[in-house]
Amino acid sequence: MKAWAPGGTAAGPVEVTSTSVMRGDVIQIGGTPCRVTDLFQLPGGLKRLHFESGELLTIHTHTRLIALRVQRRR
């Protein structure tokens, strides 16, 4: 199922890990949608996500999350 993002572009759910998460992904945490604004690579394959709200989340290589990602036009 695809939703419509601002600007009329399609957005769809994707499974993300520490290797595939991207800036702009929207991840729902505790019922609150959080947009990833920055990523920091940490030792051991860990990645720290920085959200628009200022919150941080550290995930490891086995973490699997569902994110809403705007589909890029080709």
N, C-alpha and C. Protein backbone atom coordinates (compact mmCIF):
# COMPACT_ATOMS: atom_id res chain seq x y z
N MET A 1 0.85 -1.18 0.00
CA MET A 1 0.00 0.00 0.00
C MET A 1 0.89 1.23 0.00
N LYS A 2 0.53 2.20 -0.80
CA LYS A 2 1.31 3.43 -0.88
C LYS A 2 0.48 4.61 -0.40
N ALA A 3 1.13 5.51 0.29
CA ALA A 3 0.51 6.75 0.72
C ALA A 3 1.05 7.87 -0.15
N TRP A 4 0.44 9.03 -0.02
CA TRP A 4 0.92 10.18 -0.79
C TRP A 4 1.61 11.13 0.14
N ALA A 5 2.82 11.47 -0.22
CA ALA A 5 3.62 12.42 0.55
C ALA A 5 3.37 13.82 0.03
N PRO A 6 3.75 14.84 0.80
CA PRO A 6 3.60 16.21 0.32
C PRO A 6 4.28 16.39 -1.03
N GLY A 7 3.65 17.14 -1.90
CA GLY A 7 4.20 17.37 -3.22
C GLY A 7 3.70 16.36 -4.24
N GLY A 8 2.81 15.45 -3.81
CA GLY A 8 2.21 14.51 -4.73
C GLY A 8 3.07 13.30 -5.07
N THR A 9 4.20 13.10 -4.38
CA THR A 9 5.04 11.95 -4.66
C THR A 9 4.56 10.76 -3.82
N ALA A 10 4.75 9.56 -4.33
CA ALA A 10 4.32 8.36 -3.63
C ALA A 10 5.29 8.02 -2.50
N ALA A 11 4.75 7.49 -1.42
CA ALA A 11 5.56 7.03 -0.30
C ALA A 11 5.08 5.63 0.06
N GLY A 12 6.01 4.77 0.42
CA GLY A 12 5.62 3.41 0.75
C GLY A 12 6.44 2.88 1.91
N PRO A 13 5.90 1.87 2.60
CA PRO A 13 6.62 1.27 3.72
C PRO A 13 7.76 0.39 3.23
N VAL A 14 8.89 0.46 3.92
CA VAL A 14 10.05 -0.39 3.62
C VAL A 14 10.65 -0.85 4.94
N GLU A 15 11.22 -2.04 4.93
CA GLU A 15 11.94 -2.52 6.11
C GLU A 15 13.34 -1.93 6.06
N VAL A 16 13.78 -1.35 7.17
CA VAL A 16 15.11 -0.76 7.21
C VAL A 16 15.93 -1.39 8.33
N THR A 17 17.24 -1.41 8.13
CA THR A 17 18.21 -1.88 9.11
C THR A 17 19.25 -0.78 9.28
N SER A 18 20.26 -1.05 10.07
CA SER A 18 21.31 -0.04 10.25
C SER A 18 22.07 0.22 8.96
N THR A 19 22.04 -0.71 8.02
CA THR A 19 22.75 -0.51 6.75
C THR A 19 21.88 0.15 5.68
N SER A 20 20.55 0.11 5.84
CA SER A 20 19.69 0.63 4.78
C SER A 20 18.89 1.88 5.15
N VAL A 21 18.89 2.29 6.41
CA VAL A 21 18.14 3.48 6.81
C VAL A 21 18.74 4.71 6.12
N MET A 22 17.87 5.66 5.78
CA MET A 22 18.30 6.85 5.05
C MET A 22 17.73 8.11 5.69
N ARG A 23 18.39 9.23 5.42
CA ARG A 23 17.83 10.53 5.83
C ARG A 23 16.48 10.69 5.14
N GLY A 24 15.51 11.22 5.86
CA GLY A 24 14.19 11.43 5.31
C GLY A 24 13.21 10.31 5.60
N ASP A 25 13.70 9.13 6.00
CA ASP A 25 12.81 8.04 6.38
C ASP A 25 11.99 8.47 7.59
N VAL A 26 10.73 8.04 7.63
CA VAL A 26 9.86 8.32 8.77
C VAL A 26 9.59 7.00 9.46
N ILE A 27 10.03 6.90 10.71
CA ILE A 27 9.90 5.69 11.51
C ILE A 27 8.94 5.99 12.65
N GLN A 28 7.97 5.11 12.85
CA GLN A 28 7.02 5.31 13.94
C GLN A 28 7.57 4.66 15.20
N ILE A 29 7.74 5.47 16.24
CA ILE A 29 8.28 5.00 17.51
C ILE A 29 7.28 5.36 18.61
N GLY A 30 6.76 4.35 19.26
CA GLY A 30 5.79 4.59 20.33
C GLY A 30 4.55 5.30 19.84
N GLY A 31 4.17 5.07 18.58
CA GLY A 31 2.98 5.70 18.01
C GLY A 31 3.23 7.08 17.45
N THR A 32 4.46 7.56 17.54
CA THR A 32 4.80 8.90 17.04
C THR A 32 5.70 8.78 15.81
N PRO A 33 5.29 9.38 14.69
CA PRO A 33 6.16 9.35 13.51
C PRO A 33 7.36 10.27 13.71
N CYS A 34 8.55 9.74 13.44
CA CYS A 34 9.80 10.49 13.62
C CYS A 34 10.59 10.48 12.32
N ARG A 35 10.94 11.66 11.81
CA ARG A 35 11.70 11.77 10.57
C ARG A 35 13.20 11.81 10.86
N VAL A 36 13.94 10.94 10.18
CA VAL A 36 15.39 10.88 10.34
C VAL A 36 16.02 12.07 9.63
N THR A 37 16.80 12.87 10.37
CA THR A 37 17.45 14.03 9.78
C THR A 37 18.95 13.83 9.61
N ASP A 38 19.53 12.93 10.42
CA ASP A 38 20.96 12.69 10.32
C ASP A 38 21.28 11.30 10.84
N LEU A 39 22.40 10.74 10.37
CA LEU A 39 22.84 9.40 10.73
C LEU A 39 24.29 9.45 11.15
N PHE A 40 24.64 8.69 12.18
CA PHE A 40 26.03 8.62 12.63
C PHE A 40 26.44 7.17 12.72
N GLN A 41 27.50 6.79 12.00
CA GLN A 41 28.02 5.43 12.06
C GLN A 41 28.83 5.26 13.33
N LEU A 42 28.57 4.18 14.07
CA LEU A 42 29.28 3.89 15.30
C LEU A 42 30.03 2.56 15.14
N PRO A 43 30.99 2.28 16.01
CA PRO A 43 31.73 1.02 15.92
C PRO A 43 30.80 -0.19 16.05
N GLY A 44 31.18 -1.29 15.41
CA GLY A 44 30.43 -2.54 15.52
C GLY A 44 29.18 -2.60 14.68
N GLY A 45 29.06 -1.73 13.68
CA GLY A 45 27.88 -1.73 12.82
C GLY A 45 26.69 -0.99 13.38
N LEU A 46 26.86 -0.38 14.55
CA LEU A 46 25.78 0.41 15.14
C LEU A 46 25.58 1.70 14.35
N LYS A 47 24.37 2.20 14.40
CA LYS A 47 24.09 3.49 13.76
C LYS A 47 23.18 4.28 14.67
N ARG A 48 23.51 5.55 14.87
CA ARG A 48 22.69 6.45 15.68
C ARG A 48 21.86 7.32 14.74
N LEU A 49 20.55 7.28 14.94
CA LEU A 49 19.62 8.08 14.14
C LEU A 49 19.27 9.34 14.92
N HIS A 50 19.30 10.46 14.25
CA HIS A 50 18.91 11.74 14.85
C HIS A 50 17.61 12.16 14.18
N PHE A 51 16.57 12.45 14.97
CA PHE A 51 15.26 12.80 14.44
C PHE A 51 15.02 14.31 14.49
N GLU A 52 14.06 14.77 13.70
CA GLU A 52 13.69 16.20 13.68
C GLU A 52 13.38 16.73 15.07
N SER A 53 12.81 15.89 15.91
CA SER A 53 12.41 16.30 17.26
C SER A 53 13.60 16.48 18.20
N GLY A 54 14.80 16.08 17.74
CA GLY A 54 16.00 16.18 18.56
C GLY A 54 16.32 14.89 19.29
N GLU A 55 15.44 13.90 19.20
CA GLU A 55 15.67 12.62 19.86
C GLU A 55 16.67 11.78 19.09
N LEU A 56 17.30 10.86 19.79
CA LEU A 56 18.28 9.96 19.20
C LEU A 56 17.83 8.52 19.40
N LEU A 57 18.17 7.65 18.46
CA LEU A 57 17.91 6.23 18.58
C LEU A 57 19.11 5.50 18.01
N THR A 58 19.67 4.58 18.77
CA THR A 58 20.79 3.77 18.30
C THR A 58 20.28 2.39 17.95
N ILE A 59 20.60 1.94 16.73
CA ILE A 59 20.17 0.61 16.29
C ILE A 59 21.41 -0.21 15.91
N HIS A 60 21.27 -1.54 16.01
CA HIS A 60 22.38 -2.40 15.62
C HIS A 60 22.02 -3.16 14.36
N THR A 61 22.92 -4.00 13.90
CA THR A 61 22.74 -4.67 12.60
C THR A 61 21.55 -5.61 12.56
N HIS A 62 21.08 -6.09 13.70
CA HIS A 62 19.94 -7.01 13.71
C HIS A 62 18.60 -6.31 13.91
N THR A 63 18.62 -5.00 14.14
CA THR A 63 17.39 -4.24 14.32
C THR A 63 16.66 -4.12 12.99
N ARG A 64 15.36 -4.41 13.00
CA ARG A 64 14.53 -4.28 11.80
C ARG A 64 13.37 -3.35 12.16
N LEU A 65 13.22 -2.28 11.39
CA LEU A 65 12.15 -1.31 11.59
C LEU A 65 11.42 -1.10 10.28
N ILE A 66 10.17 -0.67 10.37
CA ILE A 66 9.41 -0.31 9.17
C ILE A 66 9.41 1.21 9.08
N ALA A 67 9.80 1.71 7.91
CA ALA A 67 9.87 3.15 7.69
C ALA A 67 9.01 3.51 6.49
N LEU A 68 8.50 4.71 6.48
CA LEU A 68 7.80 5.26 5.33
C LEU A 68 8.84 6.05 4.55
N ARG A 69 9.04 5.68 3.30
CA ARG A 69 10.08 6.31 2.48
C ARG A 69 9.46 6.89 1.22
N VAL A 70 9.79 8.14 0.91
CA VAL A 70 9.33 8.78 -0.31
C VAL A 70 10.05 8.12 -1.49
N GLN A 71 9.28 7.67 -2.47
CA GLN A 71 9.85 7.02 -3.65
C GLN A 71 10.43 8.09 -4.57
N ARG A 72 11.65 7.91 -4.95
CA ARG A 72 12.33 8.87 -5.84
C ARG A 72 11.84 8.69 -7.27
N ARG A 73 11.63 9.79 -7.96
CA ARG A 73 11.23 9.71 -9.38
C ARG A 73 12.44 9.38 -10.22
N ARG A 74 12.25 8.55 -11.22
CA ARG A 74 13.37 8.15 -12.10
C ARG A 74 13.29 8.77 -13.43
